[in-house]
C-alpha atoms as a PDB file:
ATOM      1  CA  MET A   1     -11.464 -36.026 -59.070  1.00  0.00           C
ATOM      2  CA  ASN A   2     -13.336 -35.826 -55.828  1.00  0.00           C
ATOM      3  CA  GLY A   3     -11.127 -38.418 -54.218  1.00  0.00           C
ATOM      4  CA  THR A   4     -14.226 -40.342 -53.193  1.00  0.00           C
ATOM      5  CA  GLY A   5     -12.983 -43.471 -54.957  1.00  0.00           C
ATOM      6  CA  GLU A   6      -9.729 -43.346 -53.031  1.00  0.00           C
ATOM      7  CA  GLY A   7     -11.551 -42.491 -49.824  1.00  0.00           C
ATOM      8  CA  GLU A   8     -13.829 -45.484 -50.206  1.00  0.00           C
ATOM      9  CA  ARG A   9     -11.041 -47.793 -51.367  1.00  0.00           C
ATOM     10  CA  SER A  10      -8.298 -47.041 -48.859  1.00  0.00           C
ATOM     11  CA  PRO A  11     -10.089 -48.136 -45.645  1.00  0.00           C
ATOM     12  CA  TRP A  12     -10.953 -51.583 -47.023  1.00  0.00           C
ATOM     13  CA  PRO A  13      -7.449 -53.111 -47.193  1.00  0.00           C
ATOM     14  CA  ARG A  14      -6.808 -51.695 -43.714  1.00  0.00           C
ATOM     15  CA  ARG A  15     -10.050 -53.140 -42.370  1.00  0.00           C
ATOM     16  CA  LEU A  16      -9.431 -56.518 -44.002  1.00  0.00           C
ATOM     17  CA  ALA A  17      -5.893 -56.621 -42.563  1.00  0.00           C
ATOM     18  CA  TRP A  18      -7.218 -55.600 -39.151  1.00  0.00           C
ATOM     19  CA  PHE A  19      -9.905 -58.277 -39.170  1.00  0.00           C
ATOM     20  CA  ALA A  20      -7.435 -60.889 -40.438  1.00  0.00           C
ATOM     21  CA  GLY A  21      -4.958 -59.972 -37.697  1.00  0.00           C
ATOM     22  CA  LEU A  22      -7.671 -60.088 -35.027  1.00  0.00           C
ATOM     23  CA  TRP A  23      -8.934 -63.463 -36.347  1.00  0.00           C
ATOM     24  CA  LEU A  24      -5.383 -64.835 -36.410  1.00  0.00           C
ATOM     25  CA  ALA A  25      -4.754 -63.602 -32.873  1.00  0.00           C
ATOM     26  CA  GLY A  26      -7.991 -65.222 -31.726  1.00  0.00           C
ATOM     27  CA  VAL A  27      -7.164 -68.530 -33.366  1.00  0.00           C
ATOM     28  CA  LEU A  28      -3.647 -68.501 -31.860  1.00  0.00           C
ATOM     29  CA  ALA A  29      -5.102 -67.636 -28.424  1.00  0.00           C
ATOM     30  CA  LEU A  30      -7.596 -70.513 -28.699  1.00  0.00           C
ATOM     31  CA  ALA A  31      -4.856 -72.916 -29.782  1.00  0.00           C
ATOM     32  CA  ALA A  32      -2.656 -71.763 -26.853  1.00  0.00           C
ATOM     33  CA  VAL A  33      -5.503 -72.205 -24.375  1.00  0.00           C
ATOM     34  CA  ALA A  34      -6.347 -75.626 -25.817  1.00  0.00           C
ATOM     35  CA  GLY A  35      -2.722 -76.707 -25.596  1.00  0.00           C
ATOM     36  CA  LEU A  36      -2.455 -75.401 -22.014  1.00  0.00           C
ATOM     37  CA  LEU A  37      -5.644 -77.219 -20.962  1.00  0.00           C
ATOM     38  CA  ARG A  38      -4.377 -80.376 -22.665  1.00  0.00           C
ATOM     39  CA  ALA A  39      -1.066 -80.131 -20.831  1.00  0.00           C
ATOM     40  CA  LEU A  40      -2.813 -79.478 -17.505  1.00  0.00           C
ATOM     41  CA  PHE A  41      -5.402 -82.229 -17.795  1.00  0.00           C
ATOM     42  CA  ALA A  42      -3.120 -84.786 -19.433  1.00  0.00           C
ATOM     43  CA  PRO A  43      -2.546 -87.792 -17.165  1.00  0.00           C
END
């Protein structure tokens, strides 16, 4: 009943969600930049 299990368990879902959100934001940013470049350089 040290709470070590909870202490070790609780950060993981938060970290995974943070990394997933960051990855999703990066992918969306790359897609937006690609679409912008495509629109700019399209004949």
